[in-house]
PDB file of N, CA and C in Angstrom:
ATOM      1  N   UNK A   1      65.690 -85.689   9.203  1.00  0.00           N
ATOM      2  CA  UNK A   1      64.745 -86.664   9.676  1.00  0.00           C
ATOM      3  C   UNK A   1      63.661 -86.832   8.610  1.00  0.00           C
ATOM      4  N   UNK A   2      63.207 -88.041   8.419  1.00  0.00           N
ATOM      5  CA  UNK A   2      62.133 -88.332   7.465  1.00  0.00           C
ATOM      6  C   UNK A   2      61.014 -89.049   8.216  1.00  0.00           C
ATOM      7  N   UNK A   3      59.803 -88.552   8.051  1.00  0.00           N
ATOM      8  CA  UNK A   3      58.618 -89.185   8.637  1.00  0.00           C
ATOM      9  C   UNK A   3      57.819 -89.796   7.498  1.00  0.00           C
ATOM     10  N   UNK A   4      57.571 -91.090   7.575  1.00  0.00           N
ATOM     11  CA  UNK A   4      56.778 -91.766   6.554  1.00  0.00           C
ATOM     12  C   UNK A   4      55.459 -92.208   7.161  1.00  0.00           C
ATOM     13  N   UNK A   5      54.360 -91.878   6.485  1.00  0.00           N
ATOM     14  CA  UNK A   5      53.023 -92.271   6.924  1.00  0.00           C
ATOM     15  C   UNK A   5      52.255 -92.723   5.686  1.00  0.00           C
ATOM     16  N   UNK A   6      52.063 -94.023   5.563  1.00  0.00           N
ATOM     17  CA  UNK A   6      51.443 -94.625   4.370  1.00  0.00           C
ATOM     18  C   UNK A   6      52.196 -94.182   3.121  1.00  0.00           C
ATOM     19  N   UNK A   7      51.516 -93.536   2.176  1.00  0.00           N
ATOM     20  CA  UNK A   7      52.182 -93.143   0.933  1.00  0.00           C
ATOM     21  C   UNK A   7      52.853 -91.775   1.028  1.00  0.00           C
ATOM     22  N   UNK A   8      52.791 -91.135   2.208  1.00  0.00           N
ATOM     23  CA  UNK A   8      53.338 -89.784   2.360  1.00  0.00           C
ATOM     24  C   UNK A   8      54.721 -89.822   3.000  1.00  0.00           C
ATOM     25  N   UNK A   9      55.546 -88.858   2.612  1.00  0.00           N
ATOM     26  CA  UNK A   9      56.881 -88.740   3.184  1.00  0.00           C
ATOM     27  C   UNK A   9      57.140 -87.267   3.483  1.00  0.00           C
ATOM     28  N   UNK A  10      57.515 -86.986   4.715  1.00  0.00           N
ATOM     29  CA  UNK A  10      57.785 -85.612   5.141  1.00  0.00           C
ATOM     30  C   UNK A  10      59.241 -85.526   5.576  1.00  0.00           C
ATOM     31  N   UNK A  11      59.948 -84.567   4.986  1.00  0.00           N
ATOM     32  CA  UNK A  11      61.360 -84.385   5.319  1.00  0.00           C
ATOM     33  C   UNK A  11      61.504 -83.168   6.221  1.00  0.00           C
ATOM     34  N   UNK A  12      62.259 -83.313   7.293  1.00  0.00           N
ATOM     35  CA  UNK A  12      62.500 -82.239   8.239  1.00  0.00           C
ATOM     36  C   UNK A  12      63.988 -82.014   8.357  1.00  0.00           C
ATOM     37  N   UNK A  13      64.480 -80.826   8.625  1.00  0.00           N
ATOM     38  CA  UNK A  13      63.701 -79.610   8.863  1.00  0.00           C
ATOM     39  C   UNK A  13      63.144 -79.060   7.561  1.00  0.00           C
ATOM     40  N   UNK A  14      62.002 -78.444   7.674  1.00  0.00           N
ATOM     41  CA  UNK A  14      61.347 -77.795   6.541  1.00  0.00           C
ATOM     42  C   UNK A  14      61.274 -76.310   6.846  1.00  0.00           C
ATOM     43  N   UNK A  15      61.160 -75.483   5.811  1.00  0.00           N
ATOM     44  CA  UNK A  15      60.990 -74.058   6.074  1.00  0.00           C
ATOM     45  C   UNK A  15      59.683 -73.803   6.817  1.00  0.00           C
ATOM     46  N   UNK A  16      59.725 -72.897   7.749  1.00  0.00           N
ATOM     47  CA  UNK A  16      58.508 -72.542   8.491  1.00  0.00           C
ATOM     48  C   UNK A  16      57.594 -71.703   7.604  1.00  0.00           C
ATOM     49  N   UNK A  17      56.295 -71.934   7.722  1.00  0.00           N
ATOM     50  CA  UNK A  17      55.301 -71.130   7.029  1.00  0.00           C
ATOM     51  C   UNK A  17      54.638 -70.234   8.064  1.00  0.00           C
ATOM     52  N   UNK A  18      54.653 -68.937   7.819  1.00  0.00           N
ATOM     53  CA  UNK A  18      54.108 -67.975   8.770  1.00  0.00           C
ATOM     54  C   UNK A  18      52.951 -67.237   8.113  1.00  0.00           C
ATOM     55  N   UNK A  19      51.790 -67.249   8.784  1.00  0.00           N
ATOM     56  CA  UNK A  19      50.613 -66.585   8.246  1.00  0.00           C
ATOM     57  C   UNK A  19      50.338 -65.320   9.052  1.00  0.00           C
ATOM     58  N   UNK A  20      50.163 -64.212   8.346  1.00  0.00           N
ATOM     59  CA  UNK A  20      49.741 -62.969   8.986  1.00  0.00           C
ATOM     60  C   UNK A  20      48.225 -62.882   8.911  1.00  0.00           C
ATOM     61  N   UNK A  21      47.576 -62.514  10.009  1.00  0.00           N
ATOM     62  CA  UNK A  21      46.120 -62.460  10.052  1.00  0.00           C
ATOM     63  C   UNK A  21      45.669 -61.066  10.477  1.00  0.00           C
ATOM     64  N   UNK A  22      44.776 -60.483   9.680  1.00  0.00           N
ATOM     65  CA  UNK A  22      44.149 -59.211  10.031  1.00  0.00           C
ATOM     66  C   UNK A  22      42.682 -59.534  10.305  1.00  0.00           C
ATOM     67  N   UNK A  23      42.296 -59.499  11.559  1.00  0.00           N
ATOM     68  CA  UNK A  23      40.933 -59.824  11.943  1.00  0.00           C
ATOM     69  C   UNK A  23      40.114 -58.540  11.952  1.00  0.00           C
ATOM     70  N   UNK A  24      39.181 -58.420  11.015  1.00  0.00           N
ATOM     71  CA  UNK A  24      38.452 -57.173  10.813  1.00  0.00           C
ATOM     72  C   UNK A  24      37.008 -57.330  11.303  1.00  0.00           C
ATOM     73  N   UNK A  25      36.856 -57.802  12.508  1.00  0.00           N
ATOM     74  CA  UNK A  25      35.513 -57.949  13.076  1.00  0.00           C
ATOM     75  C   UNK A  25      35.425 -57.134  14.354  1.00  0.00           C
ATOM     76  N   UNK A  26      34.279 -56.530  14.626  1.00  0.00           N
ATOM     77  CA  UNK A  26      34.165 -55.681  15.807  1.00  0.00           C
ATOM     78  C   UNK A  26      34.229 -56.468  17.116  1.00  0.00           C
ATOM     79  N   UNK A  27      33.905 -57.753  17.073  1.00  0.00           N
ATOM     80  CA  UNK A  27      33.893 -58.554  18.299  1.00  0.00           C
ATOM     81  C   UNK A  27      34.972 -59.630  18.287  1.00  0.00           C
ATOM     82  N   UNK A  28      36.095 -59.323  17.672  1.00  0.00           N
ATOM     83  CA  UNK A  28      37.182 -60.285  17.551  1.00  0.00           C
ATOM     84  C   UNK A  28      37.627 -60.792  18.910  1.00  0.00           C
ATOM     85  N   UNK A  29      37.772 -62.111  19.030  1.00  0.00           N
ATOM     86  CA  UNK A  29      38.236 -62.694  20.288  1.00  0.00           C
ATOM     87  C   UNK A  29      39.724 -62.474  20.499  1.00  0.00           C
ATOM     88  N   UNK A  30      40.475 -62.244  19.415  1.00  0.00           N
ATOM     89  CA  UNK A  30      41.927 -62.146  19.553  1.00  0.00           C
ATOM     90  C   UNK A  30      42.437 -60.726  19.754  1.00  0.00           C
ATOM     91  N   UNK A  31      41.741 -59.732  19.195  1.00  0.00           N
ATOM     92  CA  UNK A  31      42.246 -58.367  19.334  1.00  0.00           C
ATOM     93  C   UNK A  31      41.187 -57.382  19.811  1.00  0.00           C
ATOM     94  N   UNK A  32      40.004 -57.874  20.129  1.00  0.00           N
ATOM     95  CA  UNK A  32      38.957 -57.003  20.663  1.00  0.00           C
ATOM     96  C   UNK A  32      38.441 -55.962  19.681  1.00  0.00           C
ATOM     97  N   UNK A  33      38.540 -56.226  18.386  1.00  0.00           N
ATOM     98  CA  UNK A  33      38.049 -55.273  17.389  1.00  0.00           C
ATOM     99  C   UNK A  33      39.000 -54.131  17.098  1.00  0.00           C
ATOM    100  N   UNK A  34      40.264 -54.310  17.463  1.00  0.00           N
ATOM    101  CA  UNK A  34      41.267 -53.253  17.306  1.00  0.00           C
ATOM    102  C   UNK A  34      41.439 -52.818  15.855  1.00  0.00           C
ATOM    103  N   UNK A  35      41.182 -53.717  14.884  1.00  0.00           N
ATOM    104  CA  UNK A  35      41.423 -53.397  13.477  1.00  0.00           C
ATOM    105  C   UNK A  35      40.123 -53.313  12.677  1.00  0.00           C
ATOM    106  N   UNK A  36      39.000 -53.031  13.348  1.00  0.00           N
ATOM    107  CA  UNK A  36      37.713 -52.925  12.665  1.00  0.00           C
ATOM    108  C   UNK A  36      37.679 -51.715  11.743  1.00  0.00           C
ATOM    109  N   UNK A  37      38.337 -50.635  12.136  1.00  0.00           N
ATOM    110  CA  UNK A  37      38.428 -49.442  11.296  1.00  0.00           C
ATOM    111  C   UNK A  37      39.274 -49.766  10.061  1.00  0.00           C
ATOM    112  N   UNK A  38      38.807 -49.343   8.882  1.00  0.00           N
ATOM    113  CA  UNK A  38      39.489 -49.671   7.622  1.00  0.00           C
ATOM    114  C   UNK A  38      40.943 -49.224   7.629  1.00  0.00           C
ATOM    115  N   UNK A  39      41.213 -48.003   8.051  1.00  0.00           N
ATOM    116  CA  UNK A  39      42.592 -47.495   8.050  1.00  0.00           C
ATOM    117  C   UNK A  39      43.476 -48.318   8.996  1.00  0.00           C
ATOM    118  N   UNK A  40      42.936 -48.677  10.159  1.00  0.00           N
ATOM    119  CA  UNK A  40      43.712 -49.483  11.109  1.00  0.00           C
ATOM    120  C   UNK A  40      44.007 -50.858  10.528  1.00  0.00           C
ATOM    121  N   UNK A  41      43.027 -51.444   9.832  1.00  0.00           N
ATOM    122  CA  UNK A  41      43.222 -52.761   9.226  1.00  0.00           C
ATOM    123  C   UNK A  41      44.294 -52.707   8.137  1.00  0.00           C
ATOM    124  N   UNK A  42      44.235 -51.689   7.296  1.00  0.00           N
ATOM    125  CA  UNK A  42      45.230 -51.551   6.225  1.00  0.00           C
ATOM    126  C   UNK A  42      46.613 -51.328   6.814  1.00  0.00           C
ATOM    127  N   UNK A  43      46.725 -50.467   7.810  1.00  0.00           N
ATOM    128  CA  UNK A  43      48.029 -50.219   8.437  1.00  0.00           C
ATOM    129  C   UNK A  43      48.595 -51.488   9.067  1.00  0.00           C
ATOM    130  N   UNK A  44      47.724 -52.247   9.725  1.00  0.00           N
ATOM    131  CA  UNK A  44      48.170 -53.499  10.345  1.00  0.00           C
ATOM    132  C   UNK A  44      48.627 -54.492   9.273  1.00  0.00           C
ATOM    133  N   UNK A  45      47.873 -54.586   8.177  1.00  0.00           N
ATOM    134  CA  UNK A  45      48.262 -55.482   7.083  1.00  0.00           C
ATOM    135  C   UNK A  45      49.623 -55.083   6.510  1.00  0.00           C
ATOM    136  N   UNK A  46      49.841 -53.788   6.335  1.00  0.00           N
ATOM    137  CA  UNK A  46      51.130 -53.330   5.808  1.00  0.00           C
ATOM    138  C   UNK A  46      52.272 -53.636   6.773  1.00  0.00           C
ATOM    139  N   UNK A  47      52.016 -53.511   8.078  1.00  0.00           N
ATOM    140  CA  UNK A  47      53.036 -53.871   9.074  1.00  0.00           C
ATOM    141  C   UNK A  47      53.368 -55.363   8.979  1.00  0.00           C
ATOM    142  N   UNK A  48      52.324 -56.182   8.836  1.00  0.00           N
ATOM    143  CA  UNK A  48      52.558 -57.621   8.728  1.00  0.00           C
ATOM    144  C   UNK A  48      53.344 -57.961   7.467  1.00  0.00           C
ATOM    145  N   UNK A  49      52.987 -57.359   6.344  1.00  0.00           N
ATOM    146  CA  UNK A  49      53.695 -57.613   5.086  1.00  0.00           C
ATOM    147  C   UNK A  49      55.170 -57.253   5.230  1.00  0.00           C
ATOM    148  N   UNK A  50      55.448 -56.156   5.914  1.00  0.00           N
ATOM    149  CA  UNK A  50      56.837 -55.734   6.139  1.00  0.00           C
ATOM    150  C   UNK A  50      57.622 -56.796   6.909  1.00  0.00           C
ATOM    151  N   UNK A  51      56.934 -57.547   7.775  1.00  0.00           N
ATOM    152  CA  UNK A  51      57.595 -58.589   8.573  1.00  0.00           C
ATOM    153  C   UNK A  51      57.826 -59.874   7.792  1.00  0.00           C
ATOM    154  N   UNK A  52      57.198 -59.979   6.594  1.00  0.00           N
ATOM    155  CA  UNK A  52      57.507 -61.088   5.696  1.00  0.00           C
ATOM    156  C   UNK A  52      56.777 -62.392   5.911  1.00  0.00           C
ATOM    157  N   UNK A  53      55.469 -62.387   6.139  1.00  0.00           N
ATOM    158  CA  UNK A  53      54.772 -63.664   6.285  1.00  0.00           C
ATOM    159  C   UNK A  53      54.712 -64.414   4.951  1.00  0.00           C
ATOM    160  N   UNK A  54      54.512 -65.715   5.022  1.00  0.00           N
ATOM    161  CA  UNK A  54      54.335 -66.522   3.823  1.00  0.00           C
ATOM    162  C   UNK A  54      53.021 -66.171   3.145  1.00  0.00           C
ATOM    163  N   UNK A  55      51.989 -65.923   3.954  1.00  0.00           N
ATOM    164  CA  UNK A  55      50.686 -65.529   3.418  1.00  0.00           C
ATOM    165  C   UNK A  55      50.027 -64.547   4.378  1.00  0.00           C
ATOM    166  N   UNK A  56      49.015 -63.856   3.868  1.00  0.00           N
ATOM    167  CA  UNK A  56      48.281 -62.871   4.661  1.00  0.00           C
ATOM    168  C   UNK A  56      46.796 -63.088   4.408  1.00  0.00           C
ATOM    169  N   UNK A  57      46.018 -63.226   5.481  1.00  0.00           N
ATOM    170  CA  UNK A  57      44.582 -63.388   5.315  1.00  0.00           C
ATOM    171  C   UNK A  57      43.850 -62.336   6.133  1.00  0.00           C
ATOM    172  N   UNK A  58      42.615 -62.096   5.731  1.00  0.00           N
ATOM    173  CA  UNK A  58      41.780 -61.136   6.432  1.00  0.00           C
ATOM    174  C   UNK A  58      40.523 -61.850   6.900  1.00  0.00           C
ATOM    175  N   UNK A  59      40.222 -61.764   8.183  1.00  0.00           N
ATOM    176  CA  UNK A  59      39.001 -62.342   8.727  1.00  0.00           C
ATOM    177  C   UNK A  59      37.954 -61.258   8.830  1.00  0.00           C
ATOM    178  N   UNK A  60      36.812 -61.463   8.187  1.00  0.00           N
ATOM    179  CA  UNK A  60      35.759 -60.453   8.173  1.00  0.00           C
ATOM    180  C   UNK A  60      34.424 -61.076   8.539  1.00  0.00           C
ATOM    181  N   UNK A  61      33.468 -60.222   8.880  1.00  0.00           N
ATOM    182  CA  UNK A  61      32.104 -60.686   9.132  1.00  0.00           C
ATOM    183  C   UNK A  61      31.481 -61.142   7.835  1.00  0.00           C
ATOM    184  N   UNK A  62      30.726 -62.201   7.891  1.00  0.00           N
ATOM    185  CA  UNK A  62      29.957 -62.619   6.733  1.00  0.00           C
ATOM    186  C   UNK A  62      28.488 -62.363   7.033  1.00  0.00           C
ATOM    187  N   UNK A  63      27.813 -61.615   6.173  1.00  0.00           N
ATOM    188  CA  UNK A  63      26.404 -61.365   6.427  1.00  0.00           C
ATOM    189  C   UNK A  63      25.600 -62.654   6.316  1.00  0.00           C
ATOM    190  N   UNK A  64      24.601 -62.761   7.116  1.00  0.00           N
ATOM    191  CA  UNK A  64      23.763 -63.945   7.069  1.00  0.00           C
ATOM    192  C   UNK A  64      23.005 -64.097   8.363  1.00  0.00           C
ATOM    193  N   UNK A  65      22.181 -65.111   8.441  1.00  0.00           N
ATOM    194  CA  UNK A  65      21.385 -65.294   9.660  1.00  0.00           C
ATOM    195  C   UNK A  65      22.253 -65.654  10.853  1.00  0.00           C
ATOM    196  N   UNK A  66      21.826 -65.226  12.014  1.00  0.00           N
ATOM    197  CA  UNK A  66      22.507 -65.568  13.254  1.00  0.00           C
ATOM    198  C   UNK A  66      22.117 -67.000  13.625  1.00  0.00           C
ATOM    199  N   UNK A  67      23.091 -67.845  13.978  1.00  0.00           N
ATOM    200  CA  UNK A  67      22.736 -69.219  14.346  1.00  0.00           C
ATOM    201  C   UNK A  67      21.786 -69.229  15.539  1.00  0.00           C
ATOM    202  N   UNK A  68      20.846 -70.133  15.514  1.00  0.00           N
ATOM    203  CA  UNK A  68      19.915 -70.253  16.653  1.00  0.00           C
ATOM    204  C   UNK A  68      20.616 -70.951  17.801  1.00  0.00           C
ATOM    205  N   UNK A  69      20.208 -70.612  19.004  1.00  0.00           N
ATOM    206  CA  UNK A  69      20.828 -71.214  20.186  1.00  0.00           C
ATOM    207  C   UNK A  69      19.862 -72.112  20.893  1.00  0.00           C
TER     208      UNK A  69
END
């Protein structure tokens, strides 16, 4: 199948892209801070790499001011 949109053309089926995410925040909405500990985060990242994701990212806290409400 081919999808054309203006100057773009997308051919399907395409290979799936799978992203592994290690969320390293204490108040993570997705894992409840399960990987906040450095060793737990590294172990989780290694498990994800073993499963073969296309990419691996790490979500961390960024220091800075708290947004006003």
